[in-house]
Protein backbone atom coordinates (compact mmCIF):
# COMPACT_ATOMS: atom_id res chain seq x y z
CA MET A 1 -15.64 -20.80 44.10
CA LYS A 2 -17.95 -18.27 42.59
CA ARG A 3 -15.96 -15.40 44.12
CA ILE A 4 -12.63 -16.79 42.84
CA TYR A 5 -14.11 -17.26 39.35
CA GLN A 6 -15.18 -13.65 39.25
CA LEU A 7 -11.70 -12.47 40.22
CA LYS A 8 -10.13 -14.60 37.53
CA LEU A 9 -12.63 -13.31 35.00
CA SER A 10 -11.79 -9.75 35.97
CA ALA A 11 -8.11 -10.46 35.53
CA VAL A 12 -8.75 -12.02 32.15
CA CYS A 13 -10.80 -9.01 31.10
CA LEU A 14 -8.00 -6.67 32.15
CA LEU A 15 -5.49 -8.75 30.24
CA LEU A 16 -7.69 -8.81 27.16
CA THR A 17 -8.21 -5.06 27.44
CA GLY A 18 -4.45 -4.55 27.55
CA LEU A 19 -3.88 -6.86 24.60
CA ILE A 20 -6.64 -5.22 22.59
CA SER A 21 -5.25 -1.79 23.41
CA CYS A 22 -1.78 -2.89 22.33
CA GLN A 23 -3.17 -4.48 19.18
CA ASN A 24 -5.13 -1.33 18.39
CA ALA A 25 -1.92 0.66 18.70
CA TRP A 26 -0.24 -1.59 16.15
CA ASP A 27 -3.33 -1.47 13.93
CA ASP A 28 -3.07 2.30 14.02
CA HIS A 29 0.55 2.02 12.89
CA TYR A 30 -0.02 -0.76 10.33
CA GLU A 31 -3.17 0.13 8.49
CA ARG A 32 -6.04 -2.36 8.81
CA GLN A 33 -6.41 -4.52 5.71
CA ASP A 34 -8.43 -7.51 4.59
CA PRO A 35 -6.77 -10.63 6.01
CA VAL A 36 -4.84 -12.90 3.68
CA SER A 37 -4.99 -15.82 6.12
CA ASP A 38 -6.55 -16.28 9.54
CA THR A 39 -5.06 -19.73 10.19
CA TYR A 40 -2.19 -19.95 12.67
CA THR A 41 -0.99 -22.09 15.55
CA VAL A 42 -0.94 -20.62 19.06
CA TRP A 43 2.13 -21.30 21.21
CA SER A 44 1.80 -20.56 24.91
CA GLY A 45 5.42 -19.44 25.32
CA ASP A 46 7.57 -16.83 23.64
CA ALA A 47 9.10 -17.01 20.17
CA GLU A 48 12.48 -18.16 21.41
CA SER A 49 11.00 -21.14 23.28
CA TYR A 50 8.96 -22.13 20.25
CA ILE A 51 11.88 -22.04 17.82
CA LYS A 52 14.21 -23.88 20.18
CA GLY A 53 11.52 -26.45 20.95
CA GLN A 54 11.03 -27.64 17.35
CA ALA A 55 13.37 -30.42 16.24
CA ASN A 56 13.02 -29.46 12.57
CA LEU A 57 14.12 -25.89 13.37
CA SER A 58 17.24 -26.77 15.33
CA GLN A 59 19.68 -25.35 12.77
CA ILE A 60 18.02 -21.96 12.48
CA ALA A 61 17.63 -21.89 16.27
CA THR A 62 21.37 -22.49 16.66
CA LEU A 63 22.21 -19.77 14.13
CA LEU A 64 19.95 -17.22 15.84
CA GLU A 65 21.44 -18.12 19.22
CA GLU A 66 25.04 -17.88 18.00
CA GLN A 67 24.45 -14.48 16.40
CA GLY A 68 22.82 -13.02 19.52
CA MET A 69 19.37 -12.54 18.03
CA PHE A 70 17.57 -13.88 21.11
CA GLU A 71 19.62 -11.67 23.44
CA ARG A 72 17.89 -8.64 21.95
CA THR A 73 14.38 -9.91 22.63
CA SER A 74 12.28 -9.66 25.77
CA PRO A 75 9.16 -11.52 26.93
CA ASP A 76 7.05 -8.36 26.83
CA GLY A 77 8.33 -7.12 23.47
CA GLY A 78 6.91 -7.66 20.00
CA TYR A 79 8.86 -9.48 17.28
CA THR A 80 8.54 -11.35 14.03
CA PHE A 81 10.83 -14.30 13.27
CA ILE A 82 11.34 -15.94 9.87
CA VAL A 83 12.51 -19.54 10.19
CA TYR A 84 13.44 -22.44 7.92
CA ASP A 85 13.34 -26.21 8.14
CA ASN A 86 16.68 -27.97 8.71
CA ALA A 87 16.53 -29.44 5.21
CA LEU A 88 16.57 -25.93 3.76
CA MET A 89 19.28 -24.64 6.08
CA SER A 90 21.77 -27.04 4.53
CA GLY A 91 21.61 -24.83 1.43
CA LEU A 92 22.82 -21.74 3.27
CA GLY A 93 26.32 -22.28 1.88
CA THR A 94 28.64 -19.27 2.10
CA THR A 95 25.93 -16.78 3.05
CA ASP A 96 27.14 -14.43 5.78
CA PRO A 97 25.63 -15.89 8.99
CA VAL A 98 25.44 -12.50 10.73
CA MET A 99 23.51 -10.89 7.88
CA PHE A 100 21.29 -13.92 7.41
CA ALA A 101 20.41 -14.01 11.11
CA LYS A 102 19.54 -10.29 11.13
CA GLN A 103 17.30 -10.83 8.11
CA CYS A 104 15.35 -13.44 10.09
CA VAL A 105 14.21 -11.00 12.78
CA SER A 106 11.98 -7.92 12.82
CA ASP A 107 11.54 -5.87 15.97
CA VAL A 108 7.87 -5.40 15.16
CA SER A 109 5.18 -8.02 15.72
CA ILE A 110 3.36 -8.40 12.40
CA ASN A 111 -0.04 -10.11 12.52
CA PRO A 112 -0.93 -12.51 9.68
CA ASP A 113 -3.74 -10.22 8.54
CA LYS A 114 -1.11 -7.59 7.72
CA LEU A 115 0.65 -9.92 5.31
CA LYS A 116 -0.87 -8.46 2.18
CA GLU A 117 0.74 -8.22 -1.23
CA GLY A 118 3.06 -5.22 -1.38
CA PHE A 119 3.65 -5.09 2.39
CA GLY A 120 7.30 -4.82 3.45
CA LEU A 121 8.53 -6.58 6.59
CA TYR A 122 11.47 -4.50 7.86
CA THR A 123 14.21 -6.64 9.44
CA ARG A 124 17.18 -6.02 11.70
CA LEU A 125 19.37 -6.16 8.61
CA GLY A 126 17.86 -2.83 7.59
CA LYS A 127 16.16 -4.37 4.58
CA ASN A 128 12.58 -5.24 3.72
CA ILE A 129 11.19 -8.65 2.89
CA TRP A 130 8.22 -8.10 0.60
CA ILE A 131 4.94 -9.97 0.71
CA SER A 132 3.64 -11.29 -2.60
CA ILE A 133 0.93 -13.58 -3.92
CA ILE A 134 2.25 -16.16 -6.38
CA ASP A 135 -0.24 -18.55 -7.99
CA GLY A 136 -2.71 -17.67 -5.25
CA GLN A 137 -0.29 -18.53 -2.44
CA LEU A 138 0.99 -16.13 0.20
CA CYS A 139 4.75 -15.71 -0.13
CA LEU A 140 7.55 -13.93 1.69
CA ASP A 141 9.86 -12.72 -1.05
CA ASP A 142 9.31 -15.39 -3.72
CA PHE A 143 8.88 -18.31 -1.31
CA PRO A 144 5.66 -19.78 0.13
CA LEU A 145 4.65 -19.26 3.73
CA VAL A 146 4.13 -22.78 5.10
CA LYS A 147 3.38 -22.18 8.78
CA GLN A 148 2.27 -19.32 11.03
CA VAL A 149 2.69 -19.43 14.79
CA LYS A 150 1.44 -16.89 17.32
CA THR A 151 3.60 -16.66 20.46
CA SER A 152 3.41 -14.54 23.58
CA ASN A 153 5.77 -11.93 22.16
CA GLY A 154 5.13 -12.02 18.45
CA PHE A 155 4.84 -14.28 15.43
CA VAL A 156 6.99 -16.96 13.84
CA TYR A 157 6.67 -17.53 10.10
CA GLN A 158 8.13 -20.64 8.54
CA VAL A 159 9.02 -20.20 4.87
CA GLY A 160 9.39 -22.92 2.24
CA GLY A 161 12.61 -21.59 0.73
CA LEU A 162 15.72 -19.72 1.85
CA ILE A 163 15.19 -16.02 1.26
CA PRO A 164 18.46 -14.68 -0.13
CA ILE A 165 19.97 -11.46 1.13
CA ARG A 166 18.78 -9.16 -1.61
CA PRO A 167 20.78 -6.12 -2.63
CA SER A 168 18.97 -2.80 -2.66
CA ILE A 169 18.29 -0.76 -5.78
CA TYR A 170 21.35 1.35 -5.02
CA ASP A 171 23.50 -1.69 -4.21
CA LYS A 172 22.52 -3.20 -7.54
CA LEU A 173 23.39 0.00 -9.37
CA GLN A 174 26.80 0.28 -7.73
CA HIS A 175 27.78 -3.30 -8.51
CA LEU A 176 26.81 -3.40 -12.19
CA ASP A 177 29.67 -4.57 -14.38
CA SER A 178 31.50 -2.56 -17.05
CA ASN A 179 28.84 -3.32 -19.69
CA TYR A 180 26.59 -0.85 -17.84
CA SER A 181 29.19 1.72 -16.80
CA ASP A 182 27.74 4.51 -18.96
CA PHE A 183 24.42 4.38 -17.13
CA VAL A 184 26.08 4.16 -13.71
CA ALA A 185 28.26 7.16 -14.53
CA LEU A 186 25.22 9.19 -15.61
CA VAL A 187 23.43 8.50 -12.33
CA LYS A 188 26.48 9.32 -10.24
CA ARG A 189 27.12 12.53 -12.17
CA TYR A 190 24.32 14.14 -10.17
CA GLU A 191 25.42 12.85 -6.76
CA GLU A 192 27.09 14.97 -4.14
CA THR A 193 28.42 14.27 -0.66
CA TYR A 194 27.32 16.80 1.94
CA PHE A 195 27.53 17.46 5.66
CA ASP A 196 24.30 16.17 7.18
CA LYS A 197 23.83 18.59 10.05
CA ASP A 198 20.46 17.11 11.09
CA ASN A 199 22.05 13.72 11.78
CA SER A 200 25.29 15.03 13.27
CA THR A 201 25.88 15.42 17.01
CA PRO A 202 27.45 18.60 18.45
CA THR A 203 30.74 17.73 20.19
CA GLY A 204 31.89 21.15 21.32
CA VAL A 205 32.77 24.68 20.29
CA ASP A 206 35.92 25.77 18.44
CA PRO A 207 38.03 28.82 19.47
CA MET A 208 36.02 30.99 17.07
CA GLY A 209 32.76 30.08 18.80
CA ASN A 210 31.51 27.77 16.06
CA THR A 211 29.75 24.53 16.97
CA VAL A 212 31.83 21.44 16.22
CA TYR A 213 29.99 18.30 15.06
CA ASP A 214 30.90 14.64 14.72
CA SER A 215 30.43 15.30 10.99
CA VAL A 216 28.04 12.77 9.54
CA MET A 217 28.47 12.89 5.77
CA ASN A 218 25.66 11.77 3.49
CA VAL A 219 24.93 11.43 -0.23
CA ARG A 220 22.13 12.98 -2.24
CA ASN A 221 21.28 12.97 -5.93
CA ASN A 222 20.41 16.45 -7.13
CA LEU A 223 18.60 15.14 -10.19
CA MET A 224 16.68 12.19 -8.76
CA ASP A 225 15.89 12.82 -5.09
CA ARG A 226 12.22 13.75 -4.79
CA TYR A 227 10.40 15.83 -2.20
CA THR A 228 6.99 17.19 -1.39
CA ALA A 229 6.24 20.86 -2.04
CA ASP A 230 7.20 21.49 1.59
CA GLY A 231 10.57 19.77 1.27
CA LEU A 232 9.75 16.45 2.93
CA LYS A 233 11.53 13.45 1.41
CA LEU A 234 9.25 11.67 -1.05
CA TRP A 235 11.64 9.23 -2.73
CA ASP A 236 15.29 8.43 -3.16
CA MET A 237 17.01 5.43 -4.70
CA ARG A 238 19.30 4.86 -1.71
CA SER A 239 16.65 4.33 0.95
CA GLU A 240 14.96 1.10 2.03
CA ASP A 241 11.95 3.23 2.94
CA PHE A 242 10.89 3.63 -0.69
CA VAL A 243 9.91 0.90 -3.16
CA SER A 244 11.34 1.24 -6.67
CA THR A 245 11.78 -0.35 -10.06
CA LEU A 246 15.14 0.02 -11.80
CA PHE A 247 15.52 -0.32 -15.56
CA ILE A 248 19.10 -1.16 -16.57
CA PRO A 249 20.35 -0.15 -20.05
CA SER A 250 23.63 -1.42 -21.46
CA ASN A 251 26.33 0.92 -22.73
CA GLN A 252 25.30 0.07 -26.28
CA LEU A 253 21.65 0.97 -25.66
CA VAL A 254 22.57 4.25 -23.95
CA ARG A 255 24.86 5.31 -26.78
CA GLN A 256 22.44 4.28 -29.52
CA ALA A 257 19.50 6.09 -27.91
CA ILE A 258 21.40 9.33 -27.41
CA GLN A 259 23.03 9.29 -30.84
CA SER A 260 19.72 8.57 -32.56
CA ALA A 261 18.14 11.53 -30.77
CA LEU A 262 21.06 13.80 -31.70
CA ASP A 263 20.85 12.70 -35.33
CA SER A 264 17.15 13.63 -35.41
CA ILE A 265 17.68 17.27 -34.45
CA PRO A 266 18.88 18.62 -37.83
CA ARG A 267 16.04 16.80 -39.58
CA TRP A 268 13.27 17.74 -37.15
CA LEU A 269 14.41 21.13 -35.82
CA GLY A 270 16.48 22.51 -38.67
CA ARG A 271 19.60 23.13 -36.62
CA VAL A 272 22.72 21.34 -35.46
CA ALA A 273 22.69 19.33 -32.23
CA THR A 274 24.49 20.84 -29.25
CA ASP A 275 26.05 19.72 -25.99
CA ALA A 276 22.92 21.02 -24.26
CA ASP A 277 20.84 18.59 -26.31
CA ARG A 278 23.05 15.69 -25.26
CA GLU A 279 22.81 16.69 -21.61
CA LYS A 280 19.02 16.90 -21.86
CA PHE A 281 18.82 13.41 -23.30
CA GLU A 282 21.15 12.04 -20.64
CA ARG A 283 19.07 13.62 -17.89
CA TRP A 284 15.87 12.17 -19.33
CA LEU A 285 17.46 8.74 -19.56
CA VAL A 286 18.37 8.76 -15.86
CA ARG A 287 14.93 10.06 -14.84
CA ALA A 288 13.18 7.42 -16.94
CA CYS A 289 15.05 4.42 -15.53
CA PHE A 290 13.61 4.77 -12.02
CA VAL A 291 9.98 4.18 -11.06
CA ASN A 292 8.72 4.78 -7.53
CA LYS A 293 6.78 1.52 -7.31
CA ARG A 294 7.47 -2.18 -7.70
CA LEU A 295 6.41 -3.24 -11.21
CA ASP A 296 5.36 -6.81 -11.91
CA PRO A 297 6.39 -8.39 -15.24
CA ASP A 298 2.90 -7.83 -16.68
CA ALA A 299 3.35 -4.06 -16.24
CA VAL A 300 6.50 -3.91 -18.36
CA LEU A 301 5.53 -6.20 -21.24
CA PRO A 302 5.03 -4.57 -24.68
CA GLN A 303 1.23 -4.86 -24.47
CA ALA A 304 1.12 -2.97 -21.15
CA GLY A 305 0.02 0.65 -20.99
CA ASP A 306 2.19 3.73 -20.54
CA PHE A 307 3.10 4.86 -17.03
CA ASP A 308 4.95 7.69 -15.32
CA CYS A 309 8.34 7.25 -13.73
CA VAL A 310 9.42 9.06 -10.57
CA GLY A 311 7.67 12.42 -10.18
CA GLY A 312 7.44 15.03 -7.46
CA TYR A 313 9.46 18.07 -6.47
CA GLN A 314 13.16 18.58 -7.03
CA ARG A 315 15.46 20.43 -4.66
CA ILE A 316 16.85 23.54 -6.36
CA ILE A 317 19.36 26.02 -4.98
CA ASP A 318 18.30 29.54 -5.89
CA LYS A 319 21.72 31.19 -6.03
CA ALA A 320 20.29 34.67 -6.51
CA GLN A 321 18.22 34.38 -3.33
CA ASP A 322 20.69 32.05 -1.56
CA ALA A 323 17.75 29.81 -0.75
CA GLU A 324 16.64 26.21 -1.11
CA VAL A 325 13.43 25.83 -3.11
CA PHE A 326 11.43 22.82 -4.27
CA GLU A 327 10.26 22.90 -7.86
CA TYR A 328 7.78 20.51 -9.45
CA ILE A 329 9.10 18.54 -12.40
CA ASP A 330 7.15 16.40 -14.83
CA ALA A 331 7.69 12.68 -14.55
CA ALA A 332 9.29 10.93 -17.50
CA ARG A 333 6.77 8.86 -19.44
CA TRP A 334 7.56 5.17 -20.08
CA ARG A 335 6.06 3.26 -23.00
CA PRO A 336 6.61 -0.51 -22.62
CA SER A 337 6.01 -1.16 -26.31
CA VAL A 338 9.02 1.06 -27.13
CA GLN A 339 11.26 0.76 -24.08
CA THR A 340 11.38 -3.03 -24.02
CA VAL A 341 12.70 -5.26 -21.25
CA ASP A 342 13.72 -8.88 -20.92
CA PRO A 343 11.04 -10.23 -18.53
CA ALA A 344 13.28 -13.17 -17.66
CA SER A 345 15.90 -10.73 -16.36
CA ARG A 346 13.68 -9.70 -13.46
CA GLU A 347 15.67 -9.52 -10.24
CA ALA A 348 14.00 -9.07 -6.87
CA LEU A 349 15.71 -6.50 -4.66
CA SER A 350 15.32 -5.59 -1.03
CA ASN A 351 13.45 -2.39 -1.90
CA GLY A 352 12.09 -3.19 -5.32
CA VAL A 353 12.89 -4.96 -8.54
CA ALA A 354 15.22 -4.54 -11.53
CA TYR A 355 14.84 -5.35 -15.22
CA TYR A 356 17.45 -5.30 -17.97
CA LEU A 357 16.44 -3.39 -21.10
CA THR A 358 16.53 -4.76 -24.63
CA ASP A 359 15.65 -1.48 -26.36
CA LEU A 360 15.77 2.18 -25.39
CA LYS A 361 14.65 5.37 -27.12
CA ILE A 362 14.56 9.07 -26.29
CA PRO A 363 10.88 9.94 -27.00
CA ASN A 364 9.94 12.36 -29.77
CA HIS A 365 8.39 14.78 -27.28
CA VAL A 366 11.73 15.02 -25.47
CA VAL A 367 13.81 15.50 -28.61
CA ILE A 368 11.57 18.11 -30.22
CA TYR A 369 10.17 20.12 -27.28
CA ARG A 370 8.53 22.53 -29.74
CA VAL A 371 8.84 24.05 -33.22
CA LYS A 372 7.76 27.64 -33.69
CA ALA A 373 7.85 30.05 -36.62
CA LYS A 374 6.96 33.73 -36.90
CA PHE A 375 5.47 34.77 -40.21
CA TYR A 376 7.38 38.03 -40.48
CA GLU A 377 10.69 36.16 -40.17
CA LEU A 378 9.66 33.57 -42.75
CA TRP A 379 8.33 36.09 -45.27
CA GLY A 380 11.28 38.39 -44.81
CA ALA A 381 13.78 35.60 -45.47
CA MET A 382 12.08 34.24 -48.61
CA ASN A 383 12.76 35.13 -52.20
CA ASP A 384 9.86 35.42 -54.63
CA THR A 385 10.14 31.80 -55.71
CA GLN A 386 9.98 30.59 -52.13
CA LYS A 387 7.04 32.86 -51.37
CA ASP A 388 5.09 31.37 -54.26
CA LYS A 389 6.05 27.85 -53.22
CA TYR A 390 5.29 27.97 -49.52
CA PHE A 391 2.39 30.48 -49.42
CA ARG A 392 -0.59 29.96 -51.71
CA TRP A 393 -3.03 32.87 -51.61
CA THR A 394 -6.65 32.78 -52.78
CA ASN A 395 -8.50 36.13 -52.97
CA TRP A 396 -6.00 37.70 -50.56
CA VAL A 397 -3.51 40.01 -52.23
CA GLU A 398 -0.64 42.38 -51.51
CA PRO A 399 0.96 40.38 -48.68
CA MET A 400 3.34 42.54 -46.69
CA ILE A 401 4.93 42.84 -43.26
CA VAL A 402 3.59 45.51 -40.91
CA ASN A 403 6.13 46.33 -38.23
CA ASP A 404 5.46 46.94 -34.57
CA ALA A 405 1.83 45.89 -34.39
CA GLN A 406 2.69 46.03 -30.71
CA SER A 407 5.69 47.47 -28.93
CA GLU A 408 8.73 45.24 -28.60
CA PHE A 409 9.26 43.28 -25.38
CA ILE A 410 12.74 43.42 -23.81
CA LEU A 411 12.88 41.19 -20.75
CA SER A 412 16.66 41.04 -20.43
CA GLU A 413 19.78 41.84 -22.41
CA THR A 414 20.64 38.14 -22.16
CA LEU A 415 17.37 37.05 -23.83
CA PRO A 416 16.24 37.75 -27.41
CA THR A 417 14.01 40.79 -27.83
CA MET A 418 10.46 39.90 -28.83
CA TYR A 419 9.20 41.85 -31.86
CA TYR A 420 5.55 41.88 -32.86
CA HIS A 421 5.64 42.39 -36.59
CA VAL A 422 2.83 40.71 -38.54
CA LEU A 423 2.28 39.35 -42.04
CA THR A 424 -0.77 41.04 -43.55
CA ALA A 425 -2.93 40.77 -46.67
CA ILE A 426 -6.16 42.32 -47.96
CA PRO A 427 -9.07 41.02 -50.08
CA SER A 428 -8.67 41.26 -53.84
CA PRO A 429 -10.94 43.62 -55.81
CA GLU A 430 -12.90 40.59 -57.04
CA ALA A 431 -13.34 39.35 -53.48
CA LEU A 432 -14.57 42.75 -52.38
CA THR A 433 -17.04 42.91 -55.25
CA ASP A 434 -18.40 39.37 -54.92
CA SER A 435 -17.82 38.78 -51.18
CA LEU A 436 -15.57 35.81 -51.93
CA VAL A 437 -13.95 33.52 -49.39
CA CYS A 438 -10.33 34.48 -48.81
CA SER A 439 -7.68 31.95 -47.84
CA VAL A 440 -3.99 31.24 -47.57
CA SER A 441 -2.36 27.82 -47.31
CA TYR A 442 1.23 27.60 -46.14
CA ASP A 443 3.61 24.74 -45.55
CA GLY A 444 5.72 24.26 -42.47
CA VAL A 445 8.99 26.16 -42.76
CA LEU A 446 11.42 27.08 -39.98
CA TYR A 447 13.70 30.11 -39.80
CA ASN A 448 17.06 29.78 -38.06
CA SER A 449 17.92 33.17 -36.58
CA ASP A 450 21.59 32.17 -36.17
CA THR A 451 22.18 31.07 -39.76
CA ARG A 452 19.35 33.17 -41.25
CA LYS A 453 18.36 30.18 -43.33
CA LEU A 454 15.06 28.48 -43.99
CA THR A 455 14.37 24.77 -43.57
CA GLU A 456 11.32 22.80 -44.62
CA VAL A 457 9.70 21.09 -41.66
CA SER A 458 10.10 17.33 -41.42
CA LEU A 459 8.48 16.06 -38.23
CA PRO A 460 7.77 12.53 -37.04
CA ALA A 461 4.21 11.30 -37.26
CA GLY A 462 2.21 11.69 -34.09
CA GLU A 463 0.16 13.99 -31.91
CA TYR A 464 0.90 17.70 -31.48
CA TYR A 465 -0.57 20.79 -29.86
CA LEU A 466 -1.17 23.41 -32.56
CA ARG A 467 -0.96 26.92 -31.15
CA MET A 468 -1.14 30.17 -33.08
CA GLY A 469 -1.16 33.93 -32.74
CA PHE A 470 -2.64 36.92 -34.57
CA LYS A 471 -3.02 40.56 -33.71
CA HIS A 472 -5.72 40.75 -31.08
CA SER A 473 -9.30 41.95 -31.62
CA LEU A 474 -9.48 41.45 -35.37
CA ARG A 475 -12.95 42.18 -36.75
CA TYR A 476 -13.58 39.08 -38.86
CA CYS A 477 -14.04 35.33 -38.47
CA ILE A 478 -11.60 32.65 -39.56
CA ASN A 479 -11.50 28.93 -40.22
CA ILE A 480 -8.31 27.01 -39.43
CA TRP A 481 -7.38 23.78 -41.21
CA PHE A 482 -4.53 21.42 -40.49
CA ASN A 483 -3.92 19.40 -43.64
CA ASP A 484 -7.44 18.17 -44.49
CA SER A 485 -8.90 18.58 -40.99
CA LEU A 486 -11.09 21.56 -40.15
CA LEU A 487 -10.11 22.57 -36.62
CA VAL A 488 -11.91 25.90 -36.14
CA GLU A 489 -14.93 27.18 -38.04
CA ASP A 490 -16.10 30.80 -38.17
CA MET A 491 -14.18 31.78 -35.06
CA LEU A 492 -14.71 35.47 -34.36
CA LEU A 493 -11.26 36.74 -33.40
CA ASN A 494 -12.68 39.88 -31.81
CA ALA A 495 -14.69 37.72 -29.39
CA GLN A 496 -11.54 35.81 -28.46
CA GLY A 497 -10.14 38.95 -26.88
CA SER A 498 -6.52 38.43 -25.91
CA ASN A 499 -6.47 34.65 -26.35
CA PHE A 500 -4.78 34.80 -29.75
CA HIS A 501 -2.89 37.96 -28.82
CA PHE A 502 0.36 37.33 -30.71
CA ASP A 503 2.19 34.56 -28.83
CA ARG A 504 1.16 35.78 -25.40
CA GLY A 505 -1.94 33.64 -24.86
CA SER A 506 -0.25 30.49 -23.59
CA VAL A 507 -0.61 31.59 -19.99
CA SER A 508 -4.26 30.55 -20.17
CA ASP A 509 -5.10 27.23 -18.52
CA LEU A 510 -4.36 24.50 -21.03
CA ASP A 511 -3.73 20.84 -20.50
CA TYR A 512 -0.17 19.72 -21.08
CA TYR A 513 1.47 16.88 -19.20
CA GLY A 514 -1.45 17.15 -16.79
CA ARG A 515 -0.51 20.75 -15.93
CA SER A 516 -1.68 24.18 -17.01
CA THR A 517 0.06 27.41 -18.00
CA ILE A 518 2.99 25.75 -19.71
CA GLY A 519 4.32 26.68 -23.11
CA PHE A 520 7.57 28.55 -22.74
CA PRO A 521 10.93 28.34 -24.52
CA GLU A 522 13.07 25.40 -23.54
CA GLY A 523 15.09 26.19 -20.43
CA TYR A 524 13.11 29.35 -19.64
CA ASN A 525 11.46 29.65 -16.23
CA TRP A 526 9.23 32.68 -15.80
CA ARG A 527 9.61 32.45 -12.01
CA ASP A 528 13.22 33.53 -12.40
CA TRP A 529 12.11 36.78 -14.01
CA ILE A 530 8.73 37.64 -12.52
CA GLU A 531 10.13 40.01 -9.89
CA LYS A 532 11.89 41.98 -12.60
CA ASN A 533 8.92 42.09 -14.95
CA GLU A 534 5.40 40.89 -14.22
CA LYS A 535 4.95 40.16 -17.93
CA ALA A 536 7.62 37.46 -17.81
CA VAL A 537 4.79 34.89 -17.98
CA ALA A 538 4.07 36.10 -21.53
CA TYR A 539 7.60 35.89 -22.90
CA ASP A 540 7.94 33.87 -26.12
CA THR A 541 5.17 31.42 -25.27
CA ASP A 542 3.62 28.84 -27.60
CA GLY A 543 0.58 31.01 -28.15
CA TYR A 544 -3.05 30.06 -27.68
CA GLN A 545 -4.12 26.53 -28.42
CA VAL A 546 -6.09 25.86 -31.59
CA ALA A 547 -6.39 22.08 -31.25
CA VAL A 548 -4.58 18.81 -30.77
CA VAL A 549 -3.64 17.61 -34.24
CA ASN A 550 -2.30 14.38 -35.68
CA LEU A 551 0.40 14.20 -38.29
CA PRO A 552 -0.44 10.88 -39.97
CA HIS A 553 2.91 10.47 -41.71
CA SER A 554 6.38 11.80 -41.02
CA GLY A 555 7.17 14.90 -43.03
CA ASN A 556 5.63 18.32 -43.54
CA PHE A 557 2.13 19.72 -43.04
CA THR A 558 -0.10 22.47 -44.38
CA ILE A 559 -2.07 25.03 -42.38
CA THR A 560 -4.89 26.91 -44.09
CA ILE A 561 -6.47 30.12 -42.83
CA GLU A 562 -9.84 31.09 -44.36
CA SER A 563 -12.21 33.96 -43.82
CA ASN A 564 -15.80 33.85 -45.05
CA ASP A 565 -16.60 37.42 -44.07
CA MET A 566 -13.48 39.57 -44.39
CA SER A 567 -14.26 40.45 -48.00
CA TYR A 568 -17.37 42.38 -46.97
CA LEU A 569 -16.06 43.59 -43.60
CA TYR A 570 -12.79 44.98 -44.91
CA ASP A 571 -12.42 48.73 -44.35
CA PRO A 572 -9.53 50.53 -46.08
CA THR A 573 -9.80 53.63 -43.89
CA ASN A 574 -6.64 52.92 -41.91
CA GLY A 575 -4.77 51.67 -44.94
CA ARG A 576 -2.13 49.01 -44.26
CA SER A 577 -1.17 50.30 -40.84
CA LYS A 578 -1.21 48.31 -37.61
CA ASN A 579 -4.52 50.00 -36.77
CA ASN A 580 -6.41 48.36 -39.61
CA VAL A 581 -7.85 45.35 -37.81
CA THR A 582 -9.99 44.39 -40.81
CA GLN A 583 -6.97 43.08 -42.75
CA LEU A 584 -5.34 39.68 -42.26
CA MET A 585 -2.69 39.98 -39.51
CA MET A 586 -0.87 36.71 -38.79
CA TYR A 587 1.92 36.43 -36.22
CA HIS A 588 3.06 32.82 -35.70
CA TRP A 589 2.36 29.10 -35.51
CA CYS A 590 3.75 26.58 -33.02
CA LEU A 591 3.66 22.80 -32.78
CA ARG A 592 4.52 21.12 -29.51
CA PRO A 593 4.44 17.31 -29.35
CA THR A 594 2.12 15.87 -26.74
CA ILE A 595 3.36 13.28 -24.32
CA ASN A 596 1.71 10.66 -26.53
CA ASN A 597 4.12 11.50 -29.34
CA TYR A 598 6.73 8.90 -28.56
């Protein structure tokens, strides 16, 4: 007896070793997590025998049998079955039995300790059933898990409610009614059907020697599909592999948001709105309505914090190089207190969740992008009355434009030439005698190079990056005020080197949208020009950052430049030429709204 016992023990050890090895393989595939529940019933047979052996599961057993679900299982396989009591099955109604049966089976054995909130159980239907915790109870979809059974070839989970066949994010989008057709059309505008060579099978060779394929056609969205920097798929709205949240705006909300943004352009930017503006707003709207995670109602309520929508890299076709490149794009920022949803409209989907919007706005930082003014353009366009109104000089006199403080910058015949003329002034005789503080205060004014007209600035309240430029290596110190706030005190411009070098200092590392070295004209990408001219990174930038400023009320602002030491450092030797770096030499100011300016 002792010898037989030892043999049986050895066999048991081998079996346990095999099971542990198999389990470890699954644990490697499904990351180990803290168990939600460790209570389950053990059934000595396989899943099929368990389901067929329970009187209260006879209806689901019959359905699975009729639809061939058991035929595709084997005793040594690994499966997960979702089953329902007969009392629930009577509510199946007109649900497609084939689809329902496929949704009840996964070809992966999922242990109970893997059933953690946010986990997706992938079924034969090609859709996920998501695990959630509702009122402290473990649920599949939105229904409580009432029984867990371990069998010889997997697990059986009995659920306390019929899980409906959920549409996917993309299914939901495609089947929205005509009240949401504007949004659907915007999303589909960026779709294209293409020949998917990677998933097509060669079937032969044509008379010209070209490989013939079975031609699998696929769909991609050139605006919304996201990739890694190396081109690996990171997210798309059509795939069950990625979890998403969809915000659904009505036609009325879409039209109101875009029109409101267009109406703001003449007031904020001093120009007429264009088709390019409309397209920008439409693109932002599409980008903002998709989030690459499943958001609970608490995350979208007005008191919730801001969050980013889908980010990552976008696939771009470089026509000049005939190459596919992947370019990082900033995620749209969502503010729940502004972009409001109806929490009761929440709809669970197979790969995420959808909410219907009750309000929608194009953010200020999207509408404005930036406002920038060069002093030589402003001064040159003003009459004497305007000069006295918008520029108020104290102990600086003889303001005048000095041309070509640096040579012009021609990057391309298709882009405006950058001129580096500066507005200058010198200390008054009284300031020179008594070493007085010199200052100039000027209000925000914009110059439209197309109309050659001036417009007083009227910006929405909020947070902005203030960036400025002077001639480099000036010999004196300055203070910079924004309205009543002192931003910079006794800053020695000579020590700043090339930071405030006209508008070419924005290539320094500065925080904006979480990234550095950004501050270019809208639509300009220095990478497109760098091979032609290495100075493309310095073309028409915002300039060097002075500070982040707050405009407390909508309207205009005042910037004041002071110098405590110019009056005794001023040297008239070089007269009013570009070489006299002891005179005031101002180039530009720029305000760019931060992402918090909503």
